[in-house]
N, C-alpha and C. Protein backbone atom coordinates (compact mmCIF):
# COMPACT_ATOMS: atom_id res chain seq x y z
N MET A 1 101.31 123.25 51.20
CA MET A 1 100.65 123.65 51.94
C MET A 1 101.12 122.53 53.43
N SER A 2 101.09 123.78 54.75
CA SER A 2 101.55 122.39 55.77
C SER A 2 100.00 122.38 56.14
N GLU A 3 100.08 121.13 56.65
CA GLU A 3 98.71 120.32 58.03
C GLU A 3 98.32 121.15 58.66
N ARG A 4 96.90 121.44 59.22
CA ARG A 4 96.89 122.16 60.30
C ARG A 4 97.14 121.34 61.43
N TYR A 5 97.49 121.83 62.86
CA TYR A 5 98.40 121.09 64.00
C TYR A 5 97.02 120.92 64.74
N ILE A 6 97.02 119.37 65.26
CA ILE A 6 95.62 118.94 66.74
C ILE A 6 96.50 118.79 67.79
N PRO A 7 95.97 119.34 68.57
CA PRO A 7 96.89 118.70 69.43
C PRO A 7 96.04 117.88 70.63
N THR A 8 97.03 117.12 71.26
CA THR A 8 97.11 115.59 71.27
C THR A 8 96.64 116.17 72.96
N ILE A 9 95.35 114.95 73.61
CA ILE A 9 95.39 115.13 75.33
C ILE A 9 95.80 113.56 75.55
N TYR A 10 96.20 112.78 76.87
CA TYR A 10 96.61 112.17 76.57
C TYR A 10 95.63 111.97 78.26
N ILE A 11 94.97 110.65 78.61
CA ILE A 11 94.37 110.46 79.42
C ILE A 11 94.38 109.25 79.94
N ARG A 12 94.97 109.06 81.67
CA ARG A 12 95.10 107.34 82.17
C ARG A 12 93.97 107.87 83.21
N PHE A 13 92.90 107.24 83.21
CA PHE A 13 92.35 107.46 84.79
C PHE A 13 92.94 106.72 85.61
N ARG A 14 91.79 107.05 86.96
CA ARG A 14 92.52 106.76 88.59
C ARG A 14 91.50 105.36 88.87
N LYS A 15 91.93 104.33 89.39
CA LYS A 15 91.63 103.26 89.49
C LYS A 15 90.11 103.81 90.39
N HIS A 16 89.82 104.27 91.23
CA HIS A 16 88.98 104.53 92.22
C HIS A 16 89.72 106.34 93.33
N ILE A 17 87.99 106.38 93.19
CA ILE A 17 88.47 108.07 93.87
C ILE A 17 87.17 108.47 95.10
N ARG A 18 87.89 109.54 95.25
CA ARG A 18 86.57 109.15 96.85
C ARG A 18 86.04 111.07 96.77
N ILE A 19 84.89 111.73 96.24
CA ILE A 19 84.96 112.59 96.40
C ILE A 19 83.69 113.20 97.54
N GLY A 20 83.43 114.29 97.93
CA GLY A 20 82.56 114.31 98.94
C GLY A 20 81.16 115.19 98.63
N LYS A 21 80.47 114.79 99.32
CA LYS A 21 78.76 114.80 99.00
C LYS A 21 78.10 116.04 98.46
N GLY A 22 78.07 116.02 97.18
CA GLY A 22 77.78 117.56 96.68
C GLY A 22 78.56 117.80 95.39
N GLU A 23 79.62 117.32 95.73
CA GLU A 23 81.09 118.05 95.02
C GLU A 23 80.48 118.01 93.50
N PRO A 24 81.35 118.17 92.32
CA PRO A 24 80.92 117.44 91.65
C PRO A 24 82.28 117.41 90.85
N ILE A 25 82.71 116.36 89.88
CA ILE A 25 83.07 115.32 89.48
C ILE A 25 84.71 116.26 88.29
N VAL A 26 85.23 116.55 88.64
CA VAL A 26 85.98 117.61 88.00
C VAL A 26 87.14 116.64 87.50
N LEU A 27 87.69 116.46 85.97
CA LEU A 27 88.99 115.73 85.07
C LEU A 27 89.85 115.62 85.30
N GLY A 28 90.35 116.38 87.19
CA GLY A 28 91.72 116.47 87.68
C GLY A 28 91.59 115.42 88.11
N ARG A 29 90.31 115.42 88.84
CA ARG A 29 90.83 114.13 90.19
C ARG A 29 89.98 112.98 89.89
N ILE A 30 89.88 112.77 88.93
CA ILE A 30 89.65 111.39 88.17
C ILE A 30 90.83 110.59 86.95
N ALA A 31 91.51 111.93 87.20
CA ALA A 31 92.40 111.32 85.28
C ALA A 31 93.64 112.28 85.52
N ASP A 32 95.05 111.80 84.94
CA ASP A 32 96.06 112.24 85.12
C ASP A 32 96.66 112.70 83.91
N LEU A 33 96.10 113.89 83.21
CA LEU A 33 96.44 114.10 81.47
C LEU A 33 97.38 115.15 81.21
N LEU A 34 97.96 114.90 80.62
CA LEU A 34 99.67 115.50 80.35
C LEU A 34 98.81 115.92 78.39
N SER A 35 98.85 117.33 77.94
CA SER A 35 98.92 118.19 77.27
C SER A 35 99.96 119.61 76.90
N GLU A 36 99.32 120.45 76.36
CA GLU A 36 99.73 121.78 76.60
C GLU A 36 99.84 121.84 77.80
N PRO A 37 100.44 123.01 77.73
CA PRO A 37 100.45 123.61 79.12
C PRO A 37 98.78 124.70 79.28
N GLU A 38 98.14 124.98 78.63
CA GLU A 38 97.22 125.78 78.38
C GLU A 38 96.03 124.75 78.34
N ILE A 39 95.76 123.83 77.92
CA ILE A 39 94.75 122.98 77.47
C ILE A 39 94.69 121.98 78.98
N GLU A 40 96.38 121.56 79.13
CA GLU A 40 95.90 120.78 80.92
C GLU A 40 95.46 121.75 81.20
N ALA A 41 95.55 122.60 81.74
CA ALA A 41 95.14 123.41 83.38
C ALA A 41 94.08 123.70 82.82
N LYS A 42 93.10 124.18 81.83
CA LYS A 42 91.71 123.99 81.89
C LYS A 42 90.96 122.77 82.42
N LEU A 43 91.10 121.92 81.66
CA LEU A 43 91.31 120.13 81.31
C LEU A 43 91.16 120.13 83.19
N ASN A 44 92.09 120.76 83.72
CA ASN A 44 92.43 119.87 85.35
C ASN A 44 91.29 120.73 85.76
N ARG A 45 91.01 121.36 85.94
CA ARG A 45 89.79 122.43 86.05
C ARG A 45 88.62 121.82 85.37
N HIS A 46 88.48 120.82 84.17
CA HIS A 46 86.82 121.54 83.62
C HIS A 46 86.06 119.90 84.75
N ILE A 47 84.36 120.31 84.97
CA ILE A 47 83.81 120.06 85.72
C ILE A 47 83.21 118.33 84.23
N ILE A 48 83.36 117.40 84.90
CA ILE A 48 82.46 116.03 83.86
C ILE A 48 81.37 116.33 83.96
N TYR A 49 80.67 116.52 85.72
CA TYR A 49 79.52 115.31 85.69
C TYR A 49 79.22 115.94 87.10
N TYR A 50 77.61 116.82 87.62
CA TYR A 50 77.38 117.36 88.43
C TYR A 50 76.77 115.56 89.46
N PRO A 51 76.91 115.06 90.14
CA PRO A 51 76.08 113.46 90.49
C PRO A 51 74.99 114.42 90.87
N SER A 52 74.29 113.39 91.40
CA SER A 52 72.42 113.70 91.76
C SER A 52 72.25 112.58 92.70
N PRO A 53 71.69 112.67 93.34
CA PRO A 53 70.71 111.72 94.55
C PRO A 53 70.59 110.23 93.47
N GLN A 54 69.59 110.44 92.27
CA GLN A 54 69.72 109.15 91.67
C GLN A 54 70.79 108.19 91.42
N ASP A 55 72.40 108.86 91.45
CA ASP A 55 73.33 107.88 91.62
C ASP A 55 73.60 106.89 91.98
N GLY A 56 72.89 107.36 93.76
CA GLY A 56 73.74 106.95 94.86
C GLY A 56 74.69 107.05 95.49
N ASN A 57 75.47 106.47 96.01
CA ASN A 57 76.84 106.74 96.55
C ASN A 57 77.46 105.93 95.31
N ARG A 58 77.73 105.61 94.02
CA ARG A 58 78.77 105.60 93.25
C ARG A 58 78.59 105.97 92.24
N VAL A 59 79.24 106.87 91.25
CA VAL A 59 79.27 106.85 89.88
C VAL A 59 80.09 106.71 88.79
N LEU A 60 80.20 105.62 88.07
CA LEU A 60 80.46 105.13 86.91
C LEU A 60 81.07 106.59 85.76
N ILE A 61 82.18 106.63 85.52
CA ILE A 61 82.27 108.09 84.60
C ILE A 61 83.52 106.63 83.51
N ASP A 62 82.73 106.80 82.28
CA ASP A 62 83.58 106.29 81.69
C ASP A 62 84.43 106.99 80.11
N MET A 63 85.59 106.90 79.20
CA MET A 63 86.48 107.23 78.19
C MET A 63 84.96 108.01 77.49
N LEU A 64 84.14 107.57 76.98
CA LEU A 64 83.08 108.14 76.02
C LEU A 64 82.38 109.17 76.22
N LYS A 65 82.09 109.50 78.14
CA LYS A 65 81.88 110.69 78.51
C LYS A 65 82.09 111.50 78.97
N VAL A 66 83.92 111.95 79.06
CA VAL A 66 84.95 111.99 78.95
C VAL A 66 84.64 113.01 77.42
N ILE A 67 85.56 111.78 76.37
CA ILE A 67 85.20 112.36 75.47
C ILE A 67 84.29 113.67 74.74
N ARG A 68 83.19 113.32 74.78
CA ARG A 68 82.08 114.26 74.91
C ARG A 68 81.93 115.25 75.58
N SER A 69 82.98 115.31 76.44
CA SER A 69 83.10 116.28 77.44
C SER A 69 83.95 117.51 76.29
N ILE A 70 84.95 117.15 77.12
CA ILE A 70 86.07 117.14 76.14
C ILE A 70 85.63 118.12 74.45
N HIS A 71 85.02 117.84 74.39
CA HIS A 71 84.78 117.82 72.49
C HIS A 71 84.03 119.07 72.62
N LYS A 72 82.89 119.62 73.68
CA LYS A 72 82.71 120.91 74.12
C LYS A 72 83.70 121.71 73.76
N ILE A 73 84.35 121.64 74.38
CA ILE A 73 85.25 122.68 74.52
C ILE A 73 86.75 122.81 73.86
N TYR A 74 86.77 121.51 73.51
CA TYR A 74 87.93 121.63 72.20
C TYR A 74 87.56 120.63 71.25
N PRO A 75 86.60 121.23 70.53
CA PRO A 75 85.96 120.15 69.32
C PRO A 75 87.23 119.87 68.27
N VAL A 76 88.39 120.18 68.30
CA VAL A 76 89.53 119.60 67.02
C VAL A 76 90.60 119.27 68.18
N VAL A 77 90.30 117.64 68.62
CA VAL A 77 91.71 117.16 69.42
C VAL A 77 91.65 116.17 69.04
N GLN A 78 93.10 115.46 69.51
CA GLN A 78 92.90 113.99 69.25
C GLN A 78 93.27 113.27 71.15
N ILE A 79 92.26 112.33 71.28
CA ILE A 79 92.01 112.01 72.39
C ILE A 79 92.48 110.31 72.36
N GLU A 80 94.38 110.34 72.93
CA GLU A 80 94.67 109.13 73.61
C GLU A 80 94.29 108.93 75.06
N HIS A 81 94.07 107.51 75.46
CA HIS A 81 94.04 107.02 76.39
C HIS A 81 94.68 106.19 77.32
N PHE A 82 95.23 106.06 78.39
CA PHE A 82 95.92 104.42 79.12
C PHE A 82 94.88 104.32 79.54
N GLY A 83 95.52 102.58 79.91
CA GLY A 83 94.79 102.10 81.21
C GLY A 83 93.29 101.95 81.25
N ASP A 84 92.39 101.69 82.50
CA ASP A 84 91.17 101.32 81.93
C ASP A 84 90.67 101.79 81.39
N PRO A 85 89.41 102.31 80.85
CA PRO A 85 88.14 102.69 80.07
C PRO A 85 87.50 103.48 81.11
N HIS A 86 88.07 103.70 82.26
CA HIS A 86 86.29 104.20 82.99
C HIS A 86 87.02 104.01 85.04
N VAL A 87 86.38 105.18 85.82
CA VAL A 87 86.64 105.72 87.21
C VAL A 87 85.57 105.51 87.87
N LEU A 88 85.81 104.96 88.82
CA LEU A 88 84.61 104.08 89.77
C LEU A 88 84.92 106.10 90.66
N VAL A 89 83.73 106.62 90.90
CA VAL A 89 83.81 107.76 91.91
C VAL A 89 82.86 107.35 92.72
N GLU A 90 83.86 106.98 94.14
CA GLU A 90 82.65 107.11 95.28
C GLU A 90 81.97 108.49 95.95
N ILE A 91 80.81 108.47 96.58
CA ILE A 91 80.55 109.74 97.40
C ILE A 91 80.71 109.94 98.71
N ALA A 92 81.04 110.57 99.33
CA ALA A 92 80.95 109.89 100.70
C ALA A 92 79.55 110.43 101.46
N THR A 93 79.40 109.96 102.17
CA THR A 93 77.86 109.94 102.63
C THR A 93 78.25 110.29 104.02
N GLY A 94 79.34 111.06 104.81
CA GLY A 94 79.43 111.33 105.89
C GLY A 94 80.97 110.33 106.35
N LYS A 95 81.45 110.97 107.44
CA LYS A 95 81.98 110.08 108.27
C LYS A 95 81.69 108.89 109.46
N ALA A 96 81.40 108.46 109.42
CA ALA A 96 80.44 107.48 111.10
C ALA A 96 80.99 107.16 112.10
N ARG A 97 81.53 107.11 113.01
CA ARG A 97 81.18 108.11 113.94
C ARG A 97 81.60 105.99 114.91
N PRO A 98 83.00 105.73 115.43
CA PRO A 98 83.12 104.18 115.70
C PRO A 98 82.49 103.87 116.87
N HIS A 99 81.43 102.84 117.10
CA HIS A 99 80.57 102.57 118.46
C HIS A 99 81.32 101.74 119.01
N PHE A 100 82.37 101.74 120.03
CA PHE A 100 83.04 101.63 120.93
C PHE A 100 82.64 100.30 121.22
N LEU A 101 81.35 99.96 121.48
CA LEU A 101 80.64 99.23 122.83
C LEU A 101 80.61 97.85 121.04
N ILE A 102 80.50 98.20 120.42
CA ILE A 102 80.16 96.92 119.37
C ILE A 102 81.63 96.29 118.80
N LEU A 103 82.29 97.76 119.00
CA LEU A 103 83.68 97.00 118.79
C LEU A 103 84.35 96.69 119.28
N ALA A 104 83.99 96.63 120.66
CA ALA A 104 84.52 95.97 121.77
C ALA A 104 83.71 94.00 121.46
N LEU A 105 82.80 94.29 121.39
CA LEU A 105 82.02 92.49 121.36
C LEU A 105 82.50 92.30 119.86
N VAL A 106 82.92 93.01 118.73
CA VAL A 106 83.58 92.09 117.64
C VAL A 106 84.40 91.53 117.66
N TRP A 107 85.63 92.54 119.07
CA TRP A 107 86.33 91.79 119.73
C TRP A 107 87.04 90.81 120.81
N LEU A 108 85.99 90.84 121.14
CA LEU A 108 86.19 89.92 121.86
C LEU A 108 85.36 88.57 121.19
N LEU A 109 84.56 88.34 120.54
CA LEU A 109 84.39 87.40 119.94
C LEU A 109 84.97 86.98 119.16
N LEU A 110 86.01 88.20 118.32
CA LEU A 110 86.96 87.01 117.71
C LEU A 110 88.69 87.05 117.99
N PHE A 111 88.54 87.10 119.85
CA PHE A 111 89.86 86.95 120.40
C PHE A 111 88.75 85.51 121.41
N ILE A 112 87.59 85.46 121.34
CA ILE A 112 87.50 83.93 121.90
C ILE A 112 87.47 82.91 120.31
N GLY A 113 87.05 83.16 119.38
CA GLY A 113 86.63 82.48 118.79
C GLY A 113 88.06 81.63 118.34
N SER A 114 89.15 82.31 117.72
CA SER A 114 90.67 82.22 117.08
C SER A 114 91.12 81.41 118.44
N GLY A 115 90.98 81.96 119.56
CA GLY A 115 91.46 80.50 120.66
C GLY A 115 91.26 79.39 121.06
N LEU A 116 89.60 79.58 120.97
CA LEU A 116 89.10 77.93 120.74
C LEU A 116 89.07 77.55 119.81
N THR A 117 89.23 78.08 118.57
CA THR A 117 90.22 77.48 117.15
C THR A 117 91.38 76.95 117.86
N ILE A 118 92.80 77.80 118.47
CA ILE A 118 93.42 76.83 118.47
C ILE A 118 93.70 75.81 119.61
N LEU A 119 92.56 76.02 120.63
CA LEU A 119 92.34 75.47 121.11
C LEU A 119 92.03 73.25 120.71
N ASN A 120 91.59 73.95 119.97
CA ASN A 120 90.65 73.06 119.06
C ASN A 120 91.25 71.70 118.33
N PHE A 121 92.35 73.44 117.74
CA PHE A 121 93.15 71.99 117.06
C PHE A 121 94.18 71.81 117.91
N HIS A 122 94.86 71.79 118.84
CA HIS A 122 96.37 71.25 119.60
C HIS A 122 95.41 69.93 120.70
N ALA A 123 93.94 70.15 120.50
CA ALA A 123 93.29 68.58 120.96
C ALA A 123 93.16 67.43 120.15
N ASP A 124 92.95 68.32 119.18
CA ASP A 124 92.93 67.24 118.21
C ASP A 124 94.19 66.71 117.91
N VAL A 125 95.06 66.85 117.79
CA VAL A 125 96.30 66.75 117.07
C VAL A 125 97.25 65.85 118.46
N SER A 126 96.24 66.05 119.72
CA SER A 126 97.02 65.96 120.91
C SER A 126 98.84 66.69 121.34
N MET A 127 98.52 67.46 121.62
CA MET A 127 99.84 68.64 121.46
C MET A 127 100.00 68.30 122.42
N LEU A 128 99.71 68.18 123.38
CA LEU A 128 99.82 67.72 125.54
C LEU A 128 101.10 66.72 125.87
N GLN A 129 100.24 65.78 124.76
CA GLN A 129 100.94 64.50 124.76
C GLN A 129 102.22 63.97 123.93
N VAL A 130 102.55 65.12 123.03
CA VAL A 130 104.04 65.41 122.02
C VAL A 130 104.90 65.89 122.89
N HIS A 131 103.85 66.69 123.41
CA HIS A 131 105.27 67.57 124.49
C HIS A 131 105.82 67.21 125.68
N ARG A 132 104.66 66.35 126.23
CA ARG A 132 104.89 65.15 126.80
C ARG A 132 106.24 64.47 126.44
N ARG A 133 106.49 63.66 125.05
CA ARG A 133 106.92 62.51 124.87
C ARG A 133 108.33 63.48 124.81
N ILE A 134 107.84 64.74 124.35
CA ILE A 134 109.34 64.91 123.64
C ILE A 134 110.42 65.60 124.92
N TYR A 135 109.60 66.28 125.51
CA TYR A 135 110.63 66.35 126.73
C TYR A 135 110.75 65.04 127.46
N GLU A 136 110.48 64.25 127.64
CA GLU A 136 110.93 62.43 128.27
C GLU A 136 111.93 62.00 127.05
N LEU A 137 111.82 63.01 125.93
CA LEU A 137 112.72 62.12 125.05
C LEU A 137 114.54 62.88 125.39
N LEU A 138 114.19 64.13 125.52
CA LEU A 138 115.02 65.29 125.92
C LEU A 138 115.09 64.42 127.25
N THR A 139 115.12 64.58 128.35
CA THR A 139 115.75 64.93 130.07
C THR A 139 115.28 63.44 130.24
N GLY A 140 114.23 62.55 129.65
CA GLY A 140 114.83 61.35 130.40
C GLY A 140 113.78 60.87 131.88
N ARG A 141 112.99 61.87 132.06
CA ARG A 141 111.93 62.12 132.59
C ARG A 141 110.17 62.37 132.30
N SER A 142 109.00 61.84 132.87
CA SER A 142 107.95 62.12 132.18
C SER A 142 107.03 62.90 133.13
N ILE A 143 106.87 63.91 133.06
CA ILE A 143 106.46 65.27 133.49
C ILE A 143 104.70 65.23 133.52
N ALA A 144 103.92 66.14 134.00
CA ALA A 144 102.57 66.25 133.05
C ALA A 144 102.53 67.43 132.77
N HIS A 145 102.90 68.32 132.98
CA HIS A 145 103.31 69.98 132.30
C HIS A 145 104.57 70.11 132.42
N PRO A 146 105.39 69.63 130.94
CA PRO A 146 106.04 70.12 130.36
C PRO A 146 106.23 71.88 130.00
N TYR A 147 105.87 72.11 130.83
CA TYR A 147 107.04 74.03 130.72
C TYR A 147 107.50 74.00 130.18
N LEU A 148 108.87 74.40 130.21
CA LEU A 148 109.97 74.39 129.22
C LEU A 148 109.35 74.14 127.77
N LEU A 149 109.34 73.43 127.27
CA LEU A 149 108.10 73.28 125.95
C LEU A 149 107.09 73.98 125.93
N GLN A 150 106.19 74.12 126.66
CA GLN A 150 104.82 74.70 126.17
C GLN A 150 104.57 76.59 126.22
N ILE A 151 105.63 76.79 127.23
CA ILE A 151 105.73 78.66 127.21
C ILE A 151 106.22 78.90 125.98
N PRO A 152 107.79 79.08 125.18
CA PRO A 152 107.96 79.16 124.48
C PRO A 152 107.31 78.82 123.42
N TYR A 153 106.91 77.67 123.13
CA TYR A 153 106.24 76.87 122.01
C TYR A 153 104.62 77.90 122.07
N SER A 154 104.28 78.63 122.82
CA SER A 154 103.02 79.63 122.88
C SER A 154 103.15 80.67 122.38
N ILE A 155 104.98 81.70 122.94
CA ILE A 155 104.65 82.80 122.69
C ILE A 155 105.13 82.56 121.67
N GLY A 156 105.38 81.17 120.45
CA GLY A 156 105.78 81.56 118.98
C GLY A 156 105.15 81.74 118.02
N ILE A 157 103.95 80.65 118.92
CA ILE A 157 102.52 80.76 118.52
C ILE A 157 101.90 82.76 117.84
N GLY A 158 102.35 83.59 118.90
CA GLY A 158 101.89 84.83 119.24
C GLY A 158 103.02 85.48 118.39
N ALA A 159 103.90 85.01 118.36
CA ALA A 159 105.28 85.66 117.44
C ALA A 159 105.24 85.02 115.77
N GLY A 160 104.83 84.33 115.57
CA GLY A 160 104.77 83.26 114.26
C GLY A 160 103.21 84.43 113.94
N MET A 161 102.56 84.72 114.22
CA MET A 161 101.26 85.72 113.70
C MET A 161 101.48 86.68 113.59
N VAL A 162 102.00 87.86 114.63
CA VAL A 162 102.62 88.35 114.25
C VAL A 162 103.72 89.37 112.50
N LEU A 163 104.89 88.09 112.77
CA LEU A 163 105.36 88.20 111.36
C LEU A 163 104.18 87.43 110.31
N PHE A 164 103.56 87.09 110.49
CA PHE A 164 102.82 86.49 109.02
C PHE A 164 102.03 87.31 108.87
N PHE A 165 101.35 88.10 109.69
CA PHE A 165 100.69 89.21 109.20
C PHE A 165 101.61 90.71 109.43
N ASN A 166 102.33 90.74 109.39
CA ASN A 166 103.76 91.53 108.86
C ASN A 166 103.55 93.23 110.04
N HIS A 167 102.36 92.60 110.94
CA HIS A 167 101.97 93.82 111.96
C HIS A 167 101.97 93.75 113.14
N LEU A 168 102.28 94.31 113.87
CA LEU A 168 102.22 94.75 115.47
C LEU A 168 102.19 96.73 115.55
N PHE A 169 100.32 96.50 116.03
CA PHE A 169 99.35 97.51 116.42
C PHE A 169 99.80 98.01 114.37
N LYS A 170 100.57 99.68 114.52
CA LYS A 170 100.36 99.90 113.56
C LYS A 170 102.10 100.31 112.93
N LYS A 171 102.46 99.23 113.64
CA LYS A 171 104.26 99.47 112.74
C LYS A 171 104.18 97.68 111.84
N LYS A 172 104.56 98.36 110.75
CA LYS A 172 105.29 97.45 109.61
C LYS A 172 106.41 96.95 109.55
N PHE A 173 106.56 95.56 109.49
CA PHE A 173 107.50 94.98 109.29
C PHE A 173 108.75 95.64 108.20
N ASN A 174 108.10 95.77 107.28
CA ASN A 174 108.77 95.47 105.81
C ASN A 174 107.36 95.63 104.97
N GLU A 175 108.12 96.31 103.32
CA GLU A 175 107.18 96.96 103.00
C GLU A 175 106.16 96.08 102.01
N GLU A 176 106.30 94.88 101.79
CA GLU A 176 105.56 93.59 101.32
C GLU A 176 104.08 93.35 102.11
N PRO A 177 103.24 93.40 101.32
CA PRO A 177 101.99 93.36 101.85
C PRO A 177 101.85 91.88 102.29
N SER A 178 101.13 92.36 103.47
CA SER A 178 101.08 90.78 104.07
C SER A 178 99.70 90.01 103.50
N PRO A 179 99.55 89.15 104.04
CA PRO A 179 98.35 88.21 102.98
C PRO A 179 96.79 88.92 104.02
N LEU A 180 96.44 89.39 105.03
CA LEU A 180 95.60 89.90 104.19
C LEU A 180 95.02 91.48 104.00
N GLU A 181 96.21 91.89 104.26
CA GLU A 181 95.99 92.82 102.69
C GLU A 181 95.98 92.40 101.36
N VAL A 182 96.68 91.87 100.99
CA VAL A 182 96.49 90.72 99.57
C VAL A 182 94.74 90.54 99.72
N GLU A 183 94.44 89.73 100.51
CA GLU A 183 92.95 89.58 100.51
C GLU A 183 92.19 90.13 100.21
N MET A 184 92.20 91.95 101.05
CA MET A 184 91.33 92.75 101.40
C MET A 184 91.77 93.99 99.44
N PHE A 185 92.34 93.36 99.23
CA PHE A 185 93.39 94.32 98.03
C PHE A 185 91.75 93.25 96.56
N LEU A 186 92.44 92.11 96.59
CA LEU A 186 91.50 91.58 95.64
C LEU A 186 90.03 91.33 96.20
N TYR A 187 89.41 91.59 97.06
CA TYR A 187 87.97 91.85 97.83
C TYR A 187 87.45 92.86 97.45
N GLN A 188 88.79 94.03 97.28
CA GLN A 188 88.06 95.38 96.65
C GLN A 188 88.13 95.36 95.19
N GLU A 189 88.82 94.42 94.55
CA GLU A 189 88.92 94.74 93.30
C GLU A 189 87.87 93.94 92.83
N SER A 190 87.67 93.00 92.60
CA SER A 190 86.25 92.06 92.65
C SER A 190 85.16 92.78 93.20
N SER A 191 85.19 93.53 94.13
CA SER A 191 83.38 94.39 94.58
C SER A 191 83.80 95.67 92.90
N ASN A 192 84.90 96.31 93.24
CA ASN A 192 84.80 97.61 92.10
C ASN A 192 84.39 97.23 90.71
N ARG A 193 84.79 95.55 90.00
CA ARG A 193 84.46 95.33 89.17
C ARG A 193 83.00 94.70 89.05
N TYR A 194 81.86 94.26 89.70
CA TYR A 194 81.09 93.95 90.18
C TYR A 194 79.91 94.76 90.27
N VAL A 195 80.96 96.33 90.51
CA VAL A 195 79.93 97.31 90.44
C VAL A 195 80.09 97.87 89.81
N ILE A 196 81.13 97.99 88.95
CA ILE A 196 81.36 98.48 87.68
C ILE A 196 80.39 98.16 87.10
N THR A 197 80.42 96.74 86.48
CA THR A 197 79.54 95.85 85.39
C THR A 197 77.89 96.31 86.09
N GLU A 198 77.42 96.23 87.38
CA GLU A 198 76.54 96.97 87.33
C GLU A 198 75.92 98.49 86.99
N GLU A 199 77.43 98.86 87.20
CA GLU A 199 76.75 100.19 86.58
C GLU A 199 76.59 100.73 84.97
N TYR A 200 77.59 99.64 84.26
CA TYR A 200 77.19 99.74 82.70
C TYR A 200 76.46 99.05 82.13
N GLY A 201 75.26 98.16 83.13
CA GLY A 201 73.81 97.57 83.20
C GLY A 201 72.42 99.04 82.89
N LYS A 202 72.98 99.66 84.44
CA LYS A 202 72.24 100.82 84.30
C LYS A 202 72.04 101.96 83.33
N ILE A 203 73.34 101.98 82.88
CA ILE A 203 73.42 103.02 81.43
C ILE A 203 72.80 102.27 80.25
N ARG A 204 73.16 101.23 80.17
CA ARG A 204 72.17 100.58 79.03
C ARG A 204 70.62 100.85 79.13
N LYS A 205 70.51 100.32 80.05
CA LYS A 205 68.96 100.60 79.81
C LYS A 205 68.82 101.88 80.27
N ARG A 206 69.59 103.16 80.61
CA ARG A 206 68.67 103.82 80.62
C ARG A 206 68.79 104.94 79.32
N LYS A 207 70.06 104.09 78.73
CA LYS A 207 70.41 104.48 77.26
C LYS A 207 69.02 103.57 76.25
N ASP A 208 69.26 102.79 76.46
CA ASP A 208 67.62 101.29 75.97
C ASP A 208 66.05 102.53 76.51
N LEU A 209 65.72 103.06 77.21
CA LEU A 209 64.46 103.41 77.68
C LEU A 209 64.53 105.58 76.76
N ALA A 210 65.97 105.77 77.36
CA ALA A 210 65.74 107.02 76.76
C ALA A 210 64.99 106.80 74.80
N ASP A 211 65.76 105.60 73.97
CA ASP A 211 65.45 105.24 72.41
C ASP A 211 64.28 105.09 72.20
N HIS A 212 64.09 103.52 73.33
CA HIS A 212 62.58 103.27 73.52
C HIS A 212 60.97 104.67 73.09
N ASP A 213 61.54 105.85 74.40
CA ASP A 213 60.46 107.11 74.33
C ASP A 213 61.34 108.13 73.30
N ASN A 214 62.02 108.10 72.59
CA ASN A 214 61.84 109.43 71.43
C ASN A 214 61.55 108.58 70.17
N GLY A 215 61.55 106.99 70.38
CA GLY A 215 60.93 106.66 69.02
C GLY A 215 59.49 106.67 69.16
N THR A 216 59.27 106.85 70.35
CA THR A 216 57.46 106.75 70.64
C THR A 216 57.28 108.03 70.42
């Protein structure tokens, strides 16, 4: 007697996706699937959850919710998942228009702040005296403003910052991430972990409240 064939569905969640307001959460959007062609095509269009206003702008979909939803369509399947057991879905609340006045004020604040930081650093280390001394050692003459050293040094500071951040406007010099991109990535990862932990806490509270209501 031959054993009954049980199809297998392989699932790998994406880390983070963004959907429009009012859109349902479709399995094909939140995960990569691998199975038989008929099953895969159907599950790619399968709706896992309809976000409600009470969910806010973020919804956490975990593997247990997906397994329950799949078993309603295919009661006898084997599900294998890889990677994280959850995906964070962000619901777009509309594209905010940039406020150019605020943007200009922030740019001006950062420009003045960074400039003052560089000036204060040079004052602390007596950079002018250092340039004067180096110029005197090289030429044998002492002058008040050694522009021959100061101008290349100033250009070098700007060029060094451009190379350090690996960006010139929208142009990127190579594929290596800049320190700013790494810090932004780490911040986003920490923020996502915090939100996921909070969402799991909300799910547990709702489950405990439902169990309490059913018990009473």
